[in-house]
Amino acid sequence: RRTDQIEYEAIMDRNEAVFYAQYGDHMRDQEEEMADVASAATASAAAANAGTPEFTFSVLGLEDPAAFNNFMRPDPPADE
């Protein structure tokens, strides 16, 4: 009986060590992946903002923004 208990504890200790080693590797891989995603997103945002022109109503030929009928407004202005 005592021998069985010692063998059982040795097996459980080995299983626990393997589990934590694999779990540590998994968590490290996830952290690296998240860091890669974050750095890619930062680089992408920086590239997108580098050459993005500012939108203005004059691009659409509207010098007066109030003249632009917002599609979210159900009724057009009364003067139209």
C-alpha atoms as a PDB file:
ATOM      1  CA  ARG A   1       0.000   0.000   0.000  1.00  0.00           C
ATOM      2  CA  ARG A   2       2.695   2.490   0.917  1.00  0.00           C
ATOM      3  CA  THR A   3       4.532   1.768  -2.330  1.00  0.00           C
ATOM      4  CA  ASP A   4       1.362   2.382  -4.320  1.00  0.00           C
ATOM      5  CA  GLN A   5       0.822   5.703  -2.552  1.00  0.00           C
ATOM      6  CA  ILE A   6       4.390   6.827  -3.284  1.00  0.00           C
ATOM      7  CA  GLU A   7       4.079   5.796  -6.936  1.00  0.00           C
ATOM      8  CA  TYR A   8       0.721   7.573  -7.228  1.00  0.00           C
ATOM      9  CA  GLU A   9       2.124  10.787  -5.737  1.00  0.00           C
ATOM     10  CA  ALA A  10       5.123  10.637  -8.078  1.00  0.00           C
ATOM     11  CA  ILE A  11       2.831  10.254 -11.090  1.00  0.00           C
ATOM     12  CA  MET A  12       0.614  13.114  -9.942  1.00  0.00           C
ATOM     13  CA  ASP A  13       3.618  15.364  -9.287  1.00  0.00           C
ATOM     14  CA  ARG A  14       4.991  14.605 -12.757  1.00  0.00           C
ATOM     15  CA  ASN A  15       1.583  15.280 -14.360  1.00  0.00           C
ATOM     16  CA  GLU A  16       1.298  18.561 -12.483  1.00  0.00           C
ATOM     17  CA  ALA A  17       4.784  19.626 -13.594  1.00  0.00           C
ATOM     18  CA  VAL A  18       3.988  18.780 -17.231  1.00  0.00           C
ATOM     19  CA  PHE A  19       0.676  20.625 -17.019  1.00  0.00           C
ATOM     20  CA  TYR A  20       2.225  23.818 -15.659  1.00  0.00           C
ATOM     21  CA  ALA A  21       5.065  23.675 -18.190  1.00  0.00           C
ATOM     22  CA  GLN A  22       2.589  23.326 -21.065  1.00  0.00           C
ATOM     23  CA  TYR A  23       0.291  25.974 -19.595  1.00  0.00           C
ATOM     24  CA  GLY A  24       3.217  28.371 -19.217  1.00  0.00           C
ATOM     25  CA  ASP A  25       4.215  27.806 -22.851  1.00  0.00           C
ATOM     26  CA  HIS A  26       0.630  28.359 -23.964  1.00  0.00           C
ATOM     27  CA  MET A  27       0.275  31.607 -22.001  1.00  0.00           C
ATOM     28  CA  ARG A  28       3.634  32.876 -23.289  1.00  0.00           C
ATOM     29  CA  ASP A  29       2.539  32.139 -26.874  1.00  0.00           C
ATOM     30  CA  GLN A  30      -0.737  33.989 -26.300  1.00  0.00           C
ATOM     31  CA  GLU A  31       1.063  37.019 -24.841  1.00  0.00           C
ATOM     32  CA  GLU A  32       3.449  37.097 -27.811  1.00  0.00           C
ATOM     33  CA  GLU A  33       0.532  36.820 -30.237  1.00  0.00           C
ATOM     34  CA  MET A  34      -1.337  39.648 -28.494  1.00  0.00           C
ATOM     35  CA  ALA A  35       1.805  41.794 -28.554  1.00  0.00           C
ATOM     36  CA  ASP A  36       2.201  41.099 -32.285  1.00  0.00           C
ATOM     37  CA  VAL A  37      -1.438  42.009 -32.943  1.00  0.00           C
ATOM     38  CA  ALA A  38      -1.125  45.201 -30.887  1.00  0.00           C
ATOM     39  CA  SER A  39       2.055  46.290 -32.653  1.00  0.00           C
ATOM     40  CA  ALA A  40       0.509  45.525 -36.062  1.00  0.00           C
ATOM     41  CA  ALA A  41      -2.582  47.546 -35.152  1.00  0.00           C
ATOM     42  CA  THR A  42      -0.426  50.444 -33.971  1.00  0.00           C
ATOM     43  CA  ALA A  43       1.619  50.355 -37.162  1.00  0.00           C
ATOM     44  CA  SER A  44      -1.533  50.150 -39.280  1.00  0.00           C
ATOM     45  CA  ALA A  45      -3.141  53.084 -37.473  1.00  0.00           C
ATOM     46  CA  ALA A  46       0.022  55.144 -37.813  1.00  0.00           C
ATOM     47  CA  ALA A  47       0.198  54.395 -41.539  1.00  0.00           C
ATOM     48  CA  ALA A  48      -3.479  55.207 -42.022  1.00  0.00           C
ATOM     49  CA  ASN A  49      -3.196  58.511 -40.173  1.00  0.00           C
ATOM     50  CA  ALA A  50       0.011  59.544 -41.922  1.00  0.00           C
ATOM     51  CA  GLY A  51      -1.581  60.476 -45.235  1.00  0.00           C
ATOM     52  CA  THR A  52      -5.262  60.824 -44.433  1.00  0.00           C
ATOM     53  CA  PRO A  53      -6.623  64.173 -45.619  1.00  0.00           C
ATOM     54  CA  GLU A  54      -9.211  65.928 -43.537  1.00  0.00           C
ATOM     55  CA  PHE A  55     -12.701  65.692 -44.975  1.00  0.00           C
ATOM     56  CA  THR A  56     -14.493  68.988 -45.620  1.00  0.00           C
ATOM     57  CA  PHE A  57     -17.890  69.855 -47.039  1.00  0.00           C
ATOM     58  CA  SER A  58     -16.212  71.911 -49.763  1.00  0.00           C
ATOM     59  CA  VAL A  59     -14.949  68.637 -51.247  1.00  0.00           C
ATOM     60  CA  LEU A  60     -18.599  67.898 -52.025  1.00  0.00           C
ATOM     61  CA  GLY A  61     -19.170  71.376 -53.374  1.00  0.00           C
ATOM     62  CA  LEU A  62     -21.018  72.472 -50.248  1.00  0.00           C
ATOM     63  CA  GLU A  63     -19.595  75.678 -48.878  1.00  0.00           C
ATOM     64  CA  ASP A  64     -22.396  75.860 -46.298  1.00  0.00           C
ATOM     65  CA  PRO A  65     -22.623  72.685 -44.195  1.00  0.00           C
ATOM     66  CA  ALA A  66     -26.172  73.625 -43.143  1.00  0.00           C
ATOM     67  CA  ALA A  67     -27.249  73.173 -46.777  1.00  0.00           C
ATOM     68  CA  PHE A  68     -26.292  69.505 -46.612  1.00  0.00           C
ATOM     69  CA  ASN A  69     -29.381  67.406 -45.892  1.00  0.00           C
ATOM     70  CA  ASN A  70     -28.291  64.837 -43.349  1.00  0.00           C
ATOM     71  CA  PHE A  71     -29.753  61.432 -44.241  1.00  0.00           C
ATOM     72  CA  MET A  72     -30.448  60.860 -40.532  1.00  0.00           C
ATOM     73  CA  ARG A  73     -32.891  63.774 -40.516  1.00  0.00           C
ATOM     74  CA  PRO A  74     -36.291  62.492 -41.679  1.00  0.00           C
ATOM     75  CA  ASP A  75     -37.478  65.846 -43.048  1.00  0.00           C
ATOM     76  CA  PRO A  76     -35.460  68.070 -45.385  1.00  0.00           C
ATOM     77  CA  PRO A  77     -35.103  71.747 -44.487  1.00  0.00           C
ATOM     78  CA  ALA A  78     -38.242  73.847 -45.109  1.00  0.00           C
ATOM     79  CA  ASP A  79     -36.595  76.079 -47.740  1.00  0.00           C
ATOM     80  CA  GLU A  80     -36.163  73.186 -50.188  1.00  0.00           C
END
